[in-house]
């Protein structure tokens, strides 16, 4: 027995959004041979250039151990490298290699084109409203924990 409350409608809409955006995972895997986690890490590394594992984990909202495995795969695939800080050996910076930079640029270009097409399908007078609503939604989600 299902009630049609606003929170249930929101849940269903977010599930549908997740499913539709899941198509991106297949496109990225086909295009670059990366998992979605690796893709997100490459994009964050490309945008920030030089970042610690902890900062990367925080940016991706993942555990350090998960990000460490993802970075290991990127390093093994010659897309990223670790560099120890000369003054603090505990600090290890992660950066993209030249090959990683090329993958990053390819992902960014593809995503820019994809989201340009999506934005063009939204009526111009509603585009700002959609973006503002997403910001409000992300802020609300960020202040809650699921399944307390």
C-alpha atoms as a PDB file:
ATOM      1  CA  UNK A   1       0.000   0.000   0.000  1.00  0.00           C
ATOM      2  CA  UNK A   2       1.710   3.162  -1.178  1.00  0.00           C
ATOM      3  CA  UNK A   3       0.804   6.700  -0.283  1.00  0.00           C
ATOM      4  CA  UNK A   4       1.660   9.459  -2.707  1.00  0.00           C
ATOM      5  CA  UNK A   5       3.353  11.850  -0.294  1.00  0.00           C
ATOM      6  CA  UNK A   6       5.698  14.591  -1.452  1.00  0.00           C
ATOM      7  CA  UNK A   7       8.675  12.771   0.056  1.00  0.00           C
ATOM      8  CA  UNK A   8       7.758   9.575  -1.812  1.00  0.00           C
ATOM      9  CA  UNK A   9       7.418  11.498  -5.079  1.00  0.00           C
ATOM     10  CA  UNK A  10      10.828  13.114  -4.416  1.00  0.00           C
ATOM     11  CA  UNK A  11      12.323   9.676  -3.750  1.00  0.00           C
ATOM     12  CA  UNK A  12      10.870   8.253  -6.963  1.00  0.00           C
ATOM     13  CA  UNK A  13      12.101  11.235  -8.981  1.00  0.00           C
ATOM     14  CA  UNK A  14      15.622  10.928  -7.574  1.00  0.00           C
ATOM     15  CA  UNK A  15      15.660   7.186  -8.283  1.00  0.00           C
ATOM     16  CA  UNK A  16      14.589   7.890 -11.855  1.00  0.00           C
ATOM     17  CA  UNK A  17      17.260  10.593 -12.173  1.00  0.00           C
ATOM     18  CA  UNK A  18      19.897   8.146 -10.912  1.00  0.00           C
ATOM     19  CA  UNK A  19      18.778   5.543 -13.439  1.00  0.00           C
ATOM     20  CA  UNK A  20      18.824   7.954 -16.339  1.00  0.00           C
ATOM     21  CA  UNK A  21      22.231   9.318 -15.356  1.00  0.00           C
ATOM     22  CA  UNK A  22      23.434   5.720 -15.045  1.00  0.00           C
ATOM     23  CA  UNK A  23      23.555   5.754 -18.829  1.00  0.00           C
ATOM     24  CA  UNK A  24      26.612   7.988 -18.420  1.00  0.00           C
ATOM     25  CA  UNK A  25      28.490   5.144 -16.730  1.00  0.00           C
ATOM     26  CA  UNK A  26      28.113   2.946 -19.806  1.00  0.00           C
ATOM     27  CA  UNK A  27      29.206   5.770 -22.111  1.00  0.00           C
ATOM     28  CA  UNK A  28      32.276   6.553 -20.009  1.00  0.00           C
ATOM     29  CA  UNK A  29      33.251   2.884 -19.722  1.00  0.00           C
ATOM     30  CA  UNK A  30      32.857   2.459 -23.474  1.00  0.00           C
ATOM     31  CA  UNK A  31      34.709   5.699 -24.223  1.00  0.00           C
ATOM     32  CA  UNK A  32      37.588   5.660 -21.753  1.00  0.00           C
ATOM     33  CA  UNK A  33      37.602   2.186 -20.249  1.00  0.00           C
ATOM     34  CA  UNK A  34      37.179   3.649 -16.757  1.00  0.00           C
ATOM     35  CA  UNK A  35      34.790   2.772 -13.965  1.00  0.00           C
ATOM     36  CA  UNK A  36      32.532   5.552 -12.755  1.00  0.00           C
ATOM     37  CA  UNK A  37      34.661   5.924  -9.594  1.00  0.00           C
ATOM     38  CA  UNK A  38      37.813   6.252 -11.706  1.00  0.00           C
ATOM     39  CA  UNK A  39      36.094   8.782 -13.954  1.00  0.00           C
ATOM     40  CA  UNK A  40      35.076  10.926 -10.980  1.00  0.00           C
ATOM     41  CA  UNK A  41      38.615  10.714  -9.579  1.00  0.00           C
ATOM     42  CA  UNK A  42      40.176  11.704 -12.917  1.00  0.00           C
ATOM     43  CA  UNK A  43      37.840  14.685 -13.210  1.00  0.00           C
ATOM     44  CA  UNK A  44      38.573  15.836  -9.664  1.00  0.00           C
ATOM     45  CA  UNK A  45      42.322  15.380 -10.178  1.00  0.00           C
ATOM     46  CA  UNK A  46      42.123  17.272 -13.464  1.00  0.00           C
ATOM     47  CA  UNK A  47      40.292  20.147 -11.890  1.00  0.00           C
ATOM     48  CA  UNK A  48      42.467  20.369  -8.767  1.00  0.00           C
ATOM     49  CA  UNK A  49      45.769  19.224 -10.311  1.00  0.00           C
ATOM     50  CA  UNK A  50      47.602  18.356  -7.063  1.00  0.00           C
ATOM     51  CA  UNK A  51      45.621  16.835  -4.201  1.00  0.00           C
ATOM     52  CA  UNK A  52      46.129  14.515  -1.241  1.00  0.00           C
ATOM     53  CA  UNK A  53      44.303  11.213  -0.936  1.00  0.00           C
ATOM     54  CA  UNK A  54      42.296  12.530   2.030  1.00  0.00           C
ATOM     55  CA  UNK A  55      41.222  15.664   0.174  1.00  0.00           C
ATOM     56  CA  UNK A  56      40.288  13.593  -2.870  1.00  0.00           C
ATOM     57  CA  UNK A  57      38.212  11.239  -0.695  1.00  0.00           C
ATOM     58  CA  UNK A  58      36.476  14.207   0.894  1.00  0.00           C
ATOM     59  CA  UNK A  59      35.736  15.769  -2.514  1.00  0.00           C
ATOM     60  CA  UNK A  60      34.305  12.500  -3.818  1.00  0.00           C
ATOM     61  CA  UNK A  61      32.433  11.840  -0.560  1.00  0.00           C
ATOM     62  CA  UNK A  62      34.042   8.388  -0.282  1.00  0.00           C
ATOM     63  CA  UNK A  63      36.122   6.526   2.288  1.00  0.00           C
ATOM     64  CA  UNK A  64      39.916   6.841   2.064  1.00  0.00           C
ATOM     65  CA  UNK A  65      40.251   3.091   1.464  1.00  0.00           C
ATOM     66  CA  UNK A  66      37.869   3.215  -1.509  1.00  0.00           C
ATOM     67  CA  UNK A  67      39.688   6.181  -3.021  1.00  0.00           C
ATOM     68  CA  UNK A  68      43.048   4.534  -2.369  1.00  0.00           C
ATOM     69  CA  UNK A  69      42.002   1.502  -4.439  1.00  0.00           C
ATOM     70  CA  UNK A  70      40.699   3.779  -7.182  1.00  0.00           C
ATOM     71  CA  UNK A  71      43.944   5.776  -7.228  1.00  0.00           C
ATOM     72  CA  UNK A  72      45.949   2.528  -7.297  1.00  0.00           C
ATOM     73  CA  UNK A  73      44.068   1.518 -10.438  1.00  0.00           C
ATOM     74  CA  UNK A  74      44.729   4.921 -12.017  1.00  0.00           C
ATOM     75  CA  UNK A  75      48.441   4.710 -11.125  1.00  0.00           C
ATOM     76  CA  UNK A  76      48.656   1.159 -12.489  1.00  0.00           C
ATOM     77  CA  UNK A  77      46.945   2.372 -15.665  1.00  0.00           C
ATOM     78  CA  UNK A  78      49.488   5.200 -16.047  1.00  0.00           C
ATOM     79  CA  UNK A  79      46.813   7.866 -15.631  1.00  0.00           C
ATOM     80  CA  UNK A  80      47.969   9.210 -12.245  1.00  0.00           C
ATOM     81  CA  UNK A  81      51.075   9.335 -10.108  1.00  0.00           C
ATOM     82  CA  UNK A  82      51.890   9.830  -6.456  1.00  0.00           C
ATOM     83  CA  UNK A  83      54.572  12.249  -5.328  1.00  0.00           C
ATOM     84  CA  UNK A  84      55.901  12.462  -1.767  1.00  0.00           C
ATOM     85  CA  UNK A  85      56.314  15.936  -0.331  1.00  0.00           C
ATOM     86  CA  UNK A  86      60.012  16.682   0.199  1.00  0.00           C
ATOM     87  CA  UNK A  87      59.367  18.315   3.577  1.00  0.00           C
ATOM     88  CA  UNK A  88      56.639  15.971   4.898  1.00  0.00           C
ATOM     89  CA  UNK A  89      56.915  12.352   3.777  1.00  0.00           C
ATOM     90  CA  UNK A  90      53.468  11.606   5.198  1.00  0.00           C
ATOM     91  CA  UNK A  91      51.901  13.891   2.573  1.00  0.00           C
ATOM     92  CA  UNK A  92      51.509  12.283  -0.818  1.00  0.00           C
ATOM     93  CA  UNK A  93      50.206  14.380  -3.678  1.00  0.00           C
ATOM     94  CA  UNK A  94      48.251  12.735  -6.473  1.00  0.00           C
ATOM     95  CA  UNK A  95      48.432  14.218  -9.960  1.00  0.00           C
ATOM     96  CA  UNK A  96      47.430  13.164 -13.441  1.00  0.00           C
ATOM     97  CA  UNK A  97      50.068  12.039 -15.908  1.00  0.00           C
ATOM     98  CA  UNK A  98      50.078  13.385 -19.481  1.00  0.00           C
ATOM     99  CA  UNK A  99      47.934  10.406 -20.481  1.00  0.00           C
ATOM    100  CA  UNK A 100      45.628  11.130 -17.538  1.00  0.00           C
ATOM    101  CA  UNK A 101      45.336  14.769 -18.635  1.00  0.00           C
ATOM    102  CA  UNK A 102      44.241  13.610 -22.098  1.00  0.00           C
ATOM    103  CA  UNK A 103      41.592  11.308 -20.581  1.00  0.00           C
ATOM    104  CA  UNK A 104      40.436  14.168 -18.337  1.00  0.00           C
ATOM    105  CA  UNK A 105      40.071  16.515 -21.315  1.00  0.00           C
ATOM    106  CA  UNK A 106      38.166  13.852 -23.245  1.00  0.00           C
ATOM    107  CA  UNK A 107      35.761  13.273 -20.341  1.00  0.00           C
ATOM    108  CA  UNK A 108      35.243  17.012 -19.814  1.00  0.00           C
ATOM    109  CA  UNK A 109      34.571  17.626 -23.514  1.00  0.00           C
ATOM    110  CA  UNK A 110      32.110  14.742 -23.695  1.00  0.00           C
ATOM    111  CA  UNK A 111      30.293  15.815 -20.535  1.00  0.00           C
ATOM    112  CA  UNK A 112      30.169  19.450 -21.674  1.00  0.00           C
ATOM    113  CA  UNK A 113      28.535  18.388 -24.934  1.00  0.00           C
ATOM    114  CA  UNK A 114      26.127  16.025 -23.155  1.00  0.00           C
ATOM    115  CA  UNK A 115      24.956  18.616 -20.618  1.00  0.00           C
ATOM    116  CA  UNK A 116      24.778  21.344 -23.271  1.00  0.00           C
ATOM    117  CA  UNK A 117      22.289  19.138 -25.123  1.00  0.00           C
ATOM    118  CA  UNK A 118      20.309  18.576 -21.926  1.00  0.00           C
ATOM    119  CA  UNK A 119      20.285  22.285 -21.068  1.00  0.00           C
ATOM    120  CA  UNK A 120      19.073  23.092 -24.590  1.00  0.00           C
ATOM    121  CA  UNK A 121      16.051  20.836 -23.990  1.00  0.00           C
ATOM    122  CA  UNK A 122      15.027  22.839 -20.926  1.00  0.00           C
ATOM    123  CA  UNK A 123      13.020  25.948 -21.776  1.00  0.00           C
ATOM    124  CA  UNK A 124      15.283  28.969 -21.375  1.00  0.00           C
ATOM    125  CA  UNK A 125      12.969  30.625 -18.862  1.00  0.00           C
ATOM    126  CA  UNK A 126      13.216  27.537 -16.598  1.00  0.00           C
ATOM    127  CA  UNK A 127      16.965  26.870 -16.819  1.00  0.00           C
ATOM    128  CA  UNK A 128      17.891  29.048 -13.828  1.00  0.00           C
ATOM    129  CA  UNK A 129      15.036  27.567 -11.804  1.00  0.00           C
ATOM    130  CA  UNK A 130      16.268  24.020 -12.505  1.00  0.00           C
ATOM    131  CA  UNK A 131      19.800  24.863 -11.390  1.00  0.00           C
ATOM    132  CA  UNK A 132      18.590  26.682  -8.250  1.00  0.00           C
ATOM    133  CA  UNK A 133      16.360  23.730  -7.381  1.00  0.00           C
ATOM    134  CA  UNK A 134      19.266  21.308  -7.730  1.00  0.00           C
ATOM    135  CA  UNK A 135      21.385  23.451  -5.394  1.00  0.00           C
ATOM    136  CA  UNK A 136      18.592  23.448  -2.807  1.00  0.00           C
ATOM    137  CA  UNK A 137      18.185  19.681  -3.189  1.00  0.00           C
ATOM    138  CA  UNK A 138      21.920  19.031  -2.813  1.00  0.00           C
ATOM    139  CA  UNK A 139      22.086  21.210   0.289  1.00  0.00           C
ATOM    140  CA  UNK A 140      19.113  19.348   1.822  1.00  0.00           C
ATOM    141  CA  UNK A 141      20.646  15.958   1.009  1.00  0.00           C
ATOM    142  CA  UNK A 142      24.011  17.056   2.378  1.00  0.00           C
ATOM    143  CA  UNK A 143      22.513  17.855   5.767  1.00  0.00           C
ATOM    144  CA  UNK A 144      20.827  14.456   6.190  1.00  0.00           C
ATOM    145  CA  UNK A 145      21.953  10.878   6.689  1.00  0.00           C
ATOM    146  CA  UNK A 146      19.984   7.973   5.266  1.00  0.00           C
ATOM    147  CA  UNK A 147      18.675   5.114   7.342  1.00  0.00           C
ATOM    148  CA  UNK A 148      19.398   6.415  10.862  1.00  0.00           C
END
